[in-house]
Amino acid sequence: MAAKPGEGGARAQVQQPGEWSLALWTHPARPDGILYHSRHDDDEFCAAPFDRAADAIGHPRSERLLSSTLLRGLLTRYRVSLDPRG
């Protein structure tokens, strides 16, 4: 059974996320997207912006992925390697 708004707290298992997304997309308040706790890291949030938020978000500068300081920091934090040898 899917969770209902206000039930089960932030960690409630929702079996029909598409229904929640559609409900928020069609809501008169017109939110720009969904911000939620990461299931892999309780200290972090994830964002799922709707396409209508593109103008508000803008376009960040382009950066080579492998030379990104943000990526290096995330790989270090989560002890992940892009090297196939580990």
N, C-alpha and C. Protein backbone atom coordinates (compact mmCIF):
# COMPACT_ATOMS: atom_id res chain seq x y z
N MET A 1 0.84 -1.18 0.00
CA MET A 1 0.00 0.00 0.00
C MET A 1 0.88 1.25 0.00
N ALA A 2 0.55 2.18 -0.81
CA ALA A 2 1.34 3.41 -0.93
C ALA A 2 1.07 4.33 0.26
N ALA A 3 2.10 5.10 0.64
CA ALA A 3 1.96 6.06 1.73
C ALA A 3 1.10 7.23 1.26
N LYS A 4 0.44 7.84 2.20
CA LYS A 4 -0.36 9.04 1.92
C LYS A 4 0.36 10.23 2.53
N PRO A 5 0.14 11.43 1.99
CA PRO A 5 0.80 12.61 2.57
C PRO A 5 0.57 12.67 4.07
N GLY A 6 1.64 12.91 4.81
CA GLY A 6 1.54 13.04 6.26
C GLY A 6 1.66 11.72 7.00
N GLU A 7 1.72 10.61 6.30
CA GLU A 7 1.83 9.30 6.94
C GLU A 7 3.24 8.76 6.79
N GLY A 8 3.79 8.22 7.85
CA GLY A 8 5.04 7.50 7.76
C GLY A 8 6.29 8.33 7.76
N GLY A 9 6.20 9.63 7.81
CA GLY A 9 7.38 10.48 7.84
C GLY A 9 8.12 10.49 6.52
N ALA A 10 9.32 11.09 6.55
CA ALA A 10 10.11 11.28 5.34
C ALA A 10 10.59 9.96 4.75
N ARG A 11 10.65 8.93 5.55
CA ARG A 11 11.19 7.66 5.08
C ARG A 11 10.09 6.67 4.66
N ALA A 12 8.86 7.11 4.56
CA ALA A 12 7.77 6.21 4.17
C ALA A 12 8.03 5.65 2.77
N GLN A 13 7.78 4.38 2.61
CA GLN A 13 7.97 3.77 1.30
C GLN A 13 6.76 4.09 0.43
N VAL A 14 7.01 4.70 -0.69
CA VAL A 14 5.94 5.06 -1.62
C VAL A 14 6.06 4.14 -2.82
N GLN A 15 5.02 3.39 -3.08
CA GLN A 15 5.08 2.42 -4.15
C GLN A 15 4.69 3.01 -5.50
N GLN A 16 4.09 4.17 -5.52
CA GLN A 16 3.67 4.78 -6.77
C GLN A 16 4.23 6.19 -6.88
N PRO A 17 5.55 6.34 -7.01
CA PRO A 17 6.13 7.69 -7.06
C PRO A 17 5.63 8.51 -8.24
N GLY A 18 5.25 7.86 -9.33
CA GLY A 18 4.71 8.59 -10.47
C GLY A 18 3.43 9.33 -10.12
N GLU A 19 2.63 8.75 -9.24
CA GLU A 19 1.40 9.41 -8.81
C GLU A 19 1.70 10.67 -8.01
N TRP A 20 2.73 10.61 -7.15
CA TRP A 20 3.12 11.79 -6.37
C TRP A 20 3.66 12.87 -7.30
N SER A 21 4.49 12.47 -8.25
CA SER A 21 5.06 13.42 -9.19
C SER A 21 3.96 14.12 -9.99
N LEU A 22 3.01 13.35 -10.48
CA LEU A 22 1.91 13.92 -11.25
C LEU A 22 1.07 14.86 -10.38
N ALA A 23 0.82 14.47 -9.14
CA ALA A 23 0.03 15.31 -8.24
C ALA A 23 0.73 16.65 -7.99
N LEU A 24 2.06 16.62 -7.82
CA LEU A 24 2.80 17.86 -7.61
C LEU A 24 2.88 18.67 -8.89
N TRP A 25 3.05 18.01 -10.03
CA TRP A 25 3.14 18.70 -11.32
C TRP A 25 1.85 19.47 -11.62
N THR A 26 0.71 18.87 -11.29
CA THR A 26 -0.58 19.49 -11.61
C THR A 26 -1.12 20.37 -10.49
N HIS A 27 -0.42 20.45 -9.36
CA HIS A 27 -0.88 21.26 -8.23
C HIS A 27 -0.90 22.74 -8.60
N PRO A 28 -1.92 23.49 -8.13
CA PRO A 28 -2.02 24.92 -8.47
C PRO A 28 -0.81 25.75 -8.02
N ALA A 29 -0.07 25.30 -7.00
CA ALA A 29 1.10 26.05 -6.54
C ALA A 29 2.26 25.96 -7.53
N ARG A 30 2.20 25.01 -8.46
CA ARG A 30 3.22 24.82 -9.50
C ARG A 30 4.65 24.76 -8.95
N PRO A 31 4.95 23.80 -8.07
CA PRO A 31 6.33 23.69 -7.57
C PRO A 31 7.29 23.39 -8.72
N ASP A 32 8.55 23.77 -8.53
CA ASP A 32 9.56 23.56 -9.56
C ASP A 32 10.09 22.13 -9.58
N GLY A 33 9.80 21.36 -8.54
CA GLY A 33 10.29 19.99 -8.49
C GLY A 33 10.16 19.42 -7.10
N ILE A 34 10.93 18.39 -6.85
CA ILE A 34 10.85 17.67 -5.58
C ILE A 34 12.25 17.63 -4.97
N LEU A 35 12.35 17.93 -3.68
CA LEU A 35 13.59 17.82 -2.92
C LEU A 35 13.36 16.75 -1.87
N TYR A 36 14.25 15.75 -1.83
CA TYR A 36 14.04 14.63 -0.92
C TYR A 36 15.36 14.13 -0.37
N HIS A 37 15.30 13.42 0.76
CA HIS A 37 16.50 12.84 1.36
C HIS A 37 17.03 11.71 0.49
N SER A 38 18.33 11.68 0.33
CA SER A 38 18.97 10.60 -0.41
C SER A 38 18.80 9.30 0.35
N ARG A 39 18.51 8.24 -0.36
CA ARG A 39 18.39 6.95 0.32
C ARG A 39 19.74 6.33 0.59
N HIS A 40 20.79 6.88 -0.03
CA HIS A 40 22.14 6.35 0.16
C HIS A 40 22.96 7.13 1.19
N ASP A 41 22.50 8.34 1.52
CA ASP A 41 23.25 9.18 2.46
C ASP A 41 22.24 10.08 3.18
N ASP A 42 21.94 9.75 4.42
CA ASP A 42 20.92 10.49 5.18
C ASP A 42 21.25 11.96 5.38
N ASP A 43 22.51 12.34 5.19
CA ASP A 43 22.90 13.74 5.39
C ASP A 43 22.72 14.59 4.15
N GLU A 44 22.35 13.98 3.04
CA GLU A 44 22.26 14.70 1.77
C GLU A 44 20.84 14.69 1.21
N PHE A 45 20.60 15.64 0.33
CA PHE A 45 19.32 15.74 -0.36
C PHE A 45 19.53 15.51 -1.85
N CYS A 46 18.49 15.07 -2.51
CA CYS A 46 18.47 14.93 -3.96
C CYS A 46 17.38 15.85 -4.49
N ALA A 47 17.55 16.30 -5.71
CA ALA A 47 16.56 17.17 -6.34
C ALA A 47 16.08 16.54 -7.63
N ALA A 48 14.79 16.60 -7.84
CA ALA A 48 14.18 16.14 -9.09
C ALA A 48 13.39 17.32 -9.65
N PRO A 49 14.07 18.20 -10.39
CA PRO A 49 13.36 19.36 -10.93
C PRO A 49 12.46 18.98 -12.09
N PHE A 50 11.32 19.67 -12.19
CA PHE A 50 10.45 19.50 -13.34
C PHE A 50 11.03 20.33 -14.48
N ASP A 51 10.67 19.99 -15.70
CA ASP A 51 11.21 20.71 -16.85
C ASP A 51 10.84 22.19 -16.84
N ARG A 52 9.74 22.55 -16.21
CA ARG A 52 9.35 23.97 -16.17
C ARG A 52 10.30 24.81 -15.32
N ALA A 53 11.19 24.18 -14.57
CA ALA A 53 12.13 24.92 -13.73
C ALA A 53 13.43 25.26 -14.46
N ALA A 54 13.55 24.87 -15.72
CA ALA A 54 14.80 25.06 -16.45
C ALA A 54 15.27 26.51 -16.46
N ASP A 55 14.38 27.46 -16.67
CA ASP A 55 14.78 28.87 -16.70
C ASP A 55 15.24 29.35 -15.33
N ALA A 56 14.60 28.85 -14.27
CA ALA A 56 14.97 29.27 -12.91
C ALA A 56 16.33 28.68 -12.51
N ILE A 57 16.63 27.50 -13.00
CA ILE A 57 17.88 26.83 -12.66
C ILE A 57 19.03 27.40 -13.47
N GLY A 58 18.78 27.68 -14.72
CA GLY A 58 19.84 28.19 -15.58
C GLY A 58 20.73 27.07 -16.07
N HIS A 59 21.80 27.44 -16.69
CA HIS A 59 22.73 26.46 -17.23
C HIS A 59 24.10 26.73 -16.63
N PRO A 60 24.56 25.84 -15.74
CA PRO A 60 25.88 26.04 -15.14
C PRO A 60 26.98 25.93 -16.18
N ARG A 61 28.11 26.46 -15.84
CA ARG A 61 29.23 26.38 -16.78
C ARG A 61 29.58 24.92 -17.03
N SER A 62 30.07 24.68 -18.18
CA SER A 62 30.47 23.34 -18.56
C SER A 62 31.86 23.05 -18.00
N GLU A 63 32.07 21.80 -17.57
CA GLU A 63 33.35 21.41 -17.01
C GLU A 63 33.62 19.96 -17.40
N ARG A 64 34.85 19.64 -17.69
CA ARG A 64 35.20 18.25 -17.99
C ARG A 64 34.95 17.40 -16.75
N LEU A 65 34.18 16.34 -16.90
CA LEU A 65 33.78 15.52 -15.77
C LEU A 65 34.97 14.98 -14.99
N LEU A 66 35.95 14.42 -15.68
CA LEU A 66 37.06 13.77 -14.98
C LEU A 66 38.00 14.76 -14.30
N SER A 67 37.92 16.05 -14.64
CA SER A 67 38.77 17.03 -13.97
C SER A 67 37.96 17.86 -12.96
N SER A 68 36.73 17.46 -12.71
CA SER A 68 35.84 18.19 -11.81
C SER A 68 36.25 18.01 -10.34
N THR A 69 36.43 19.12 -9.64
CA THR A 69 36.75 19.03 -8.21
C THR A 69 35.56 18.48 -7.43
N LEU A 70 34.35 18.79 -7.88
CA LEU A 70 33.16 18.24 -7.22
C LEU A 70 33.15 16.72 -7.34
N LEU A 71 33.40 16.21 -8.53
CA LEU A 71 33.42 14.76 -8.70
C LEU A 71 34.52 14.11 -7.86
N ARG A 72 35.71 14.69 -7.84
CA ARG A 72 36.80 14.13 -7.02
C ARG A 72 36.39 14.08 -5.56
N GLY A 73 35.76 15.14 -5.07
CA GLY A 73 35.32 15.15 -3.68
C GLY A 73 34.28 14.08 -3.39
N LEU A 74 33.34 13.87 -4.30
CA LEU A 74 32.31 12.85 -4.11
C LEU A 74 32.91 11.45 -4.16
N LEU A 75 33.82 11.23 -5.09
CA LEU A 75 34.46 9.91 -5.17
C LEU A 75 35.23 9.60 -3.89
N THR A 76 35.92 10.59 -3.36
CA THR A 76 36.66 10.41 -2.12
C THR A 76 35.71 10.17 -0.95
N ARG A 77 34.68 10.98 -0.85
CA ARG A 77 33.73 10.86 0.27
C ARG A 77 33.08 9.49 0.33
N TYR A 78 32.68 8.97 -0.84
CA TYR A 78 31.97 7.70 -0.86
C TYR A 78 32.88 6.51 -1.19
N ARG A 79 34.20 6.77 -1.21
CA ARG A 79 35.19 5.72 -1.45
C ARG A 79 34.87 4.91 -2.71
N VAL A 80 34.70 5.66 -3.80
CA VAL A 80 34.38 5.06 -5.10
C VAL A 80 35.52 5.40 -6.05
N SER A 81 35.82 4.47 -6.93
CA SER A 81 36.87 4.67 -7.91
C SER A 81 36.31 4.51 -9.31
N LEU A 82 36.80 5.31 -10.24
CA LEU A 82 36.44 5.13 -11.64
C LEU A 82 37.44 4.24 -12.35
N ASP A 83 38.47 3.84 -11.65
CA ASP A 83 39.48 2.96 -12.20
C ASP A 83 38.95 1.53 -12.13
N PRO A 84 38.85 0.83 -13.28
CA PRO A 84 38.30 -0.53 -13.26
C PRO A 84 39.11 -1.50 -12.41
N ARG A 85 40.34 -1.12 -12.08
CA ARG A 85 41.17 -1.99 -11.23
C ARG A 85 40.91 -1.74 -9.75
N GLY A 86 40.06 -0.73 -9.45
CA GLY A 86 39.70 -0.45 -8.06
C GLY A 86 40.53 0.62 -7.49
